[in-house]
Amino acid sequence: MILFNSLLVIHAMKQKHASIEKPEDLSRLIEMAWEDRTPFEAIQRLFGLSETDTIRIMRSQLKPKAFRNWRARVSGRKTKHQQLRDPSVSRGYCPTQYKQR
């Protein structure tokens, strides 16, 4: 369960035109940040948050160990940055990720 600490989120987004107003939006942001194939540019298009803002929100919402694990995972990962990606990758998730069972 994610605690929606609006003061921390608002502070992290100060002077930005972000659209995180509900706990569901914050939950979706964190989910997108954890996904390997979702680039930070997609988060920016959807929520209006830069990579730095996303990092601040993740720092404020995750436990310290979880945040360190996430930073180690996304640092230098080509799939998290649109410009570093292979141009043939045009989707944000694996084709088998959302298959009906």
C-alpha atoms as a PDB file:
ATOM      1  CA  MET A   1       0.000   0.000   0.000  1.00  0.00           C
ATOM      2  CA  ILE A   2       1.323   3.417  -0.944  1.00  0.00           C
ATOM      3  CA  LEU A   3       0.767   6.275   1.459  1.00  0.00           C
ATOM      4  CA  PHE A   4      -0.286   9.393  -0.364  1.00  0.00           C
ATOM      5  CA  ASN A   5       1.662  12.109   1.348  1.00  0.00           C
ATOM      6  CA  SER A   6       0.408  15.114  -0.575  1.00  0.00           C
ATOM      7  CA  LEU A   7       2.776  17.597   1.067  1.00  0.00           C
ATOM      8  CA  LEU A   8       5.843  15.662  -0.074  1.00  0.00           C
ATOM      9  CA  VAL A   9       4.456  15.192  -3.564  1.00  0.00           C
ATOM     10  CA  ILE A  10       3.489  18.855  -3.884  1.00  0.00           C
ATOM     11  CA  HIS A  11       6.932  19.903  -2.634  1.00  0.00           C
ATOM     12  CA  ALA A  12       8.607  17.618  -5.179  1.00  0.00           C
ATOM     13  CA  MET A  13       6.519  19.099  -7.988  1.00  0.00           C
ATOM     14  CA  LYS A  14       6.872  22.736  -6.956  1.00  0.00           C
ATOM     15  CA  GLN A  15       6.542  25.093  -9.931  1.00  0.00           C
ATOM     16  CA  LYS A  16       5.612  22.251 -12.287  1.00  0.00           C
ATOM     17  CA  HIS A  17       2.420  21.617 -14.218  1.00  0.00           C
ATOM     18  CA  ALA A  18       1.971  18.069 -12.997  1.00  0.00           C
ATOM     19  CA  SER A  19      -1.293  16.217 -12.755  1.00  0.00           C
ATOM     20  CA  ILE A  20      -0.865  14.057  -9.658  1.00  0.00           C
ATOM     21  CA  GLU A  21      -3.970  14.857  -7.701  1.00  0.00           C
ATOM     22  CA  LYS A  22      -5.181  11.419  -6.633  1.00  0.00           C
ATOM     23  CA  PRO A  23      -3.546   8.443  -4.908  1.00  0.00           C
ATOM     24  CA  GLU A  24      -4.299   6.391  -8.040  1.00  0.00           C
ATOM     25  CA  ASP A  25      -2.163   8.767 -10.125  1.00  0.00           C
ATOM     26  CA  LEU A  26       0.709   8.496  -7.675  1.00  0.00           C
ATOM     27  CA  SER A  27       0.416   4.725  -7.696  1.00  0.00           C
ATOM     28  CA  ARG A  28       0.476   4.694 -11.519  1.00  0.00           C
ATOM     29  CA  LEU A  29       3.515   6.995 -11.559  1.00  0.00           C
ATOM     30  CA  ILE A  30       5.428   4.663  -9.233  1.00  0.00           C
ATOM     31  CA  GLU A  31       4.383   1.648 -11.291  1.00  0.00           C
ATOM     32  CA  MET A  32       5.590   3.308 -14.496  1.00  0.00           C
ATOM     33  CA  ALA A  33       8.877   4.299 -12.858  1.00  0.00           C
ATOM     34  CA  TRP A  34       9.513   0.687 -11.789  1.00  0.00           C
ATOM     35  CA  GLU A  35       8.708  -0.735 -15.241  1.00  0.00           C
ATOM     36  CA  ASP A  36      11.879  -1.360 -17.230  1.00  0.00           C
ATOM     37  CA  ARG A  37      10.444  -0.485 -20.628  1.00  0.00           C
ATOM     38  CA  THR A  38       8.616   2.711 -19.666  1.00  0.00           C
ATOM     39  CA  PRO A  39      10.899   5.657 -20.458  1.00  0.00           C
ATOM     40  CA  PHE A  40      11.005   8.778 -18.323  1.00  0.00           C
ATOM     41  CA  GLU A  41       9.727  10.679 -21.372  1.00  0.00           C
ATOM     42  CA  ALA A  42       6.443   8.739 -21.167  1.00  0.00           C
ATOM     43  CA  ILE A  43       6.091   9.763 -17.521  1.00  0.00           C
ATOM     44  CA  GLN A  44       6.760  13.356 -18.533  1.00  0.00           C
ATOM     45  CA  ARG A  45       4.114  13.244 -21.279  1.00  0.00           C
ATOM     46  CA  LEU A  46       1.513  11.714 -18.970  1.00  0.00           C
ATOM     47  CA  PHE A  47       2.180  13.574 -15.710  1.00  0.00           C
ATOM     48  CA  GLY A  48       4.302  16.574 -16.713  1.00  0.00           C
ATOM     49  CA  LEU A  49       7.195  15.484 -14.462  1.00  0.00           C
ATOM     50  CA  SER A  50      10.842  15.522 -15.447  1.00  0.00           C
ATOM     51  CA  GLU A  51      13.188  12.668 -14.550  1.00  0.00           C
ATOM     52  CA  THR A  52      14.450  14.709 -11.589  1.00  0.00           C
ATOM     53  CA  ASP A  53      10.902  15.247 -10.307  1.00  0.00           C
ATOM     54  CA  THR A  54      10.176  11.538 -10.674  1.00  0.00           C
ATOM     55  CA  ILE A  55      13.305  10.709  -8.671  1.00  0.00           C
ATOM     56  CA  ARG A  56      12.243  13.130  -5.917  1.00  0.00           C
ATOM     57  CA  ILE A  57       8.787  11.577  -5.717  1.00  0.00           C
ATOM     58  CA  MET A  58      10.221   8.060  -5.669  1.00  0.00           C
ATOM     59  CA  ARG A  59      12.601   9.088  -2.879  1.00  0.00           C
ATOM     60  CA  SER A  60       9.741  10.504  -0.817  1.00  0.00           C
ATOM     61  CA  GLN A  61       7.367   7.572  -1.382  1.00  0.00           C
ATOM     62  CA  LEU A  62       9.641   4.515  -1.169  1.00  0.00           C
ATOM     63  CA  LYS A  63      11.491   3.077   1.769  1.00  0.00           C
ATOM     64  CA  PRO A  64      15.223   3.911   1.635  1.00  0.00           C
ATOM     65  CA  LYS A  65      16.301   0.397   0.566  1.00  0.00           C
ATOM     66  CA  ALA A  66      13.587   0.202  -2.101  1.00  0.00           C
ATOM     67  CA  PHE A  67      14.638   3.603  -3.422  1.00  0.00           C
ATOM     68  CA  ARG A  68      18.315   2.542  -3.614  1.00  0.00           C
ATOM     69  CA  ASN A  69      17.297  -0.650  -5.447  1.00  0.00           C
ATOM     70  CA  TRP A  70      15.193   1.354  -7.902  1.00  0.00           C
ATOM     71  CA  ARG A  71      17.977   3.896  -8.552  1.00  0.00           C
ATOM     72  CA  ALA A  72      20.489   1.115  -9.144  1.00  0.00           C
ATOM     73  CA  ARG A  73      18.031  -0.520 -11.534  1.00  0.00           C
ATOM     74  CA  VAL A  74      17.228   2.557 -13.650  1.00  0.00           C
ATOM     75  CA  SER A  75      20.635   4.256 -13.653  1.00  0.00           C
ATOM     76  CA  GLY A  76      22.160   3.831 -17.071  1.00  0.00           C
ATOM     77  CA  ARG A  77      19.345   1.585 -18.321  1.00  0.00           C
ATOM     78  CA  LYS A  78      18.842   2.240 -22.021  1.00  0.00           C
ATOM     79  CA  THR A  79      15.155   1.404 -21.961  1.00  0.00           C
ATOM     80  CA  LYS A  80      14.410   4.167 -19.418  1.00  0.00           C
ATOM     81  CA  HIS A  81      15.587   6.919 -21.787  1.00  0.00           C
ATOM     82  CA  GLN A  82      13.961   7.398 -25.177  1.00  0.00           C
ATOM     83  CA  GLN A  83      17.117   8.804 -26.788  1.00  0.00           C
ATOM     84  CA  LEU A  84      19.220   5.780 -25.779  1.00  0.00           C
ATOM     85  CA  ARG A  85      16.688   3.244 -27.041  1.00  0.00           C
ATOM     86  CA  ASP A  86      16.895   1.316 -30.244  1.00  0.00           C
ATOM     87  CA  PRO A  87      14.544   3.129 -32.688  1.00  0.00           C
ATOM     88  CA  SER A  88      12.796  -0.158 -33.494  1.00  0.00           C
ATOM     89  CA  VAL A  89      11.340  -0.302 -29.958  1.00  0.00           C
ATOM     90  CA  SER A  90       8.097   1.636 -30.184  1.00  0.00           C
ATOM     91  CA  ARG A  91       6.180   0.199 -27.237  1.00  0.00           C
ATOM     92  CA  GLY A  92       6.412   0.752 -23.514  1.00  0.00           C
ATOM     93  CA  TYR A  93       5.964  -2.844 -22.446  1.00  0.00           C
ATOM     94  CA  CYS A  94       6.702  -6.411 -23.483  1.00  0.00           C
ATOM     95  CA  PRO A  95       4.090  -7.813 -25.932  1.00  0.00           C
ATOM     96  CA  THR A  96       3.377 -10.714 -23.550  1.00  0.00           C
ATOM     97  CA  GLN A  97       3.034  -8.527 -20.452  1.00  0.00           C
ATOM     98  CA  TYR A  98      -0.709  -7.860 -20.589  1.00  0.00           C
ATOM     99  CA  LYS A  99      -2.027 -11.076 -22.142  1.00  0.00           C
ATOM    100  CA  GLN A 100      -5.381 -12.360 -20.930  1.00  0.00           C
ATOM    101  CA  ARG A 101      -5.196 -15.641 -19.043  1.00  0.00           C
END
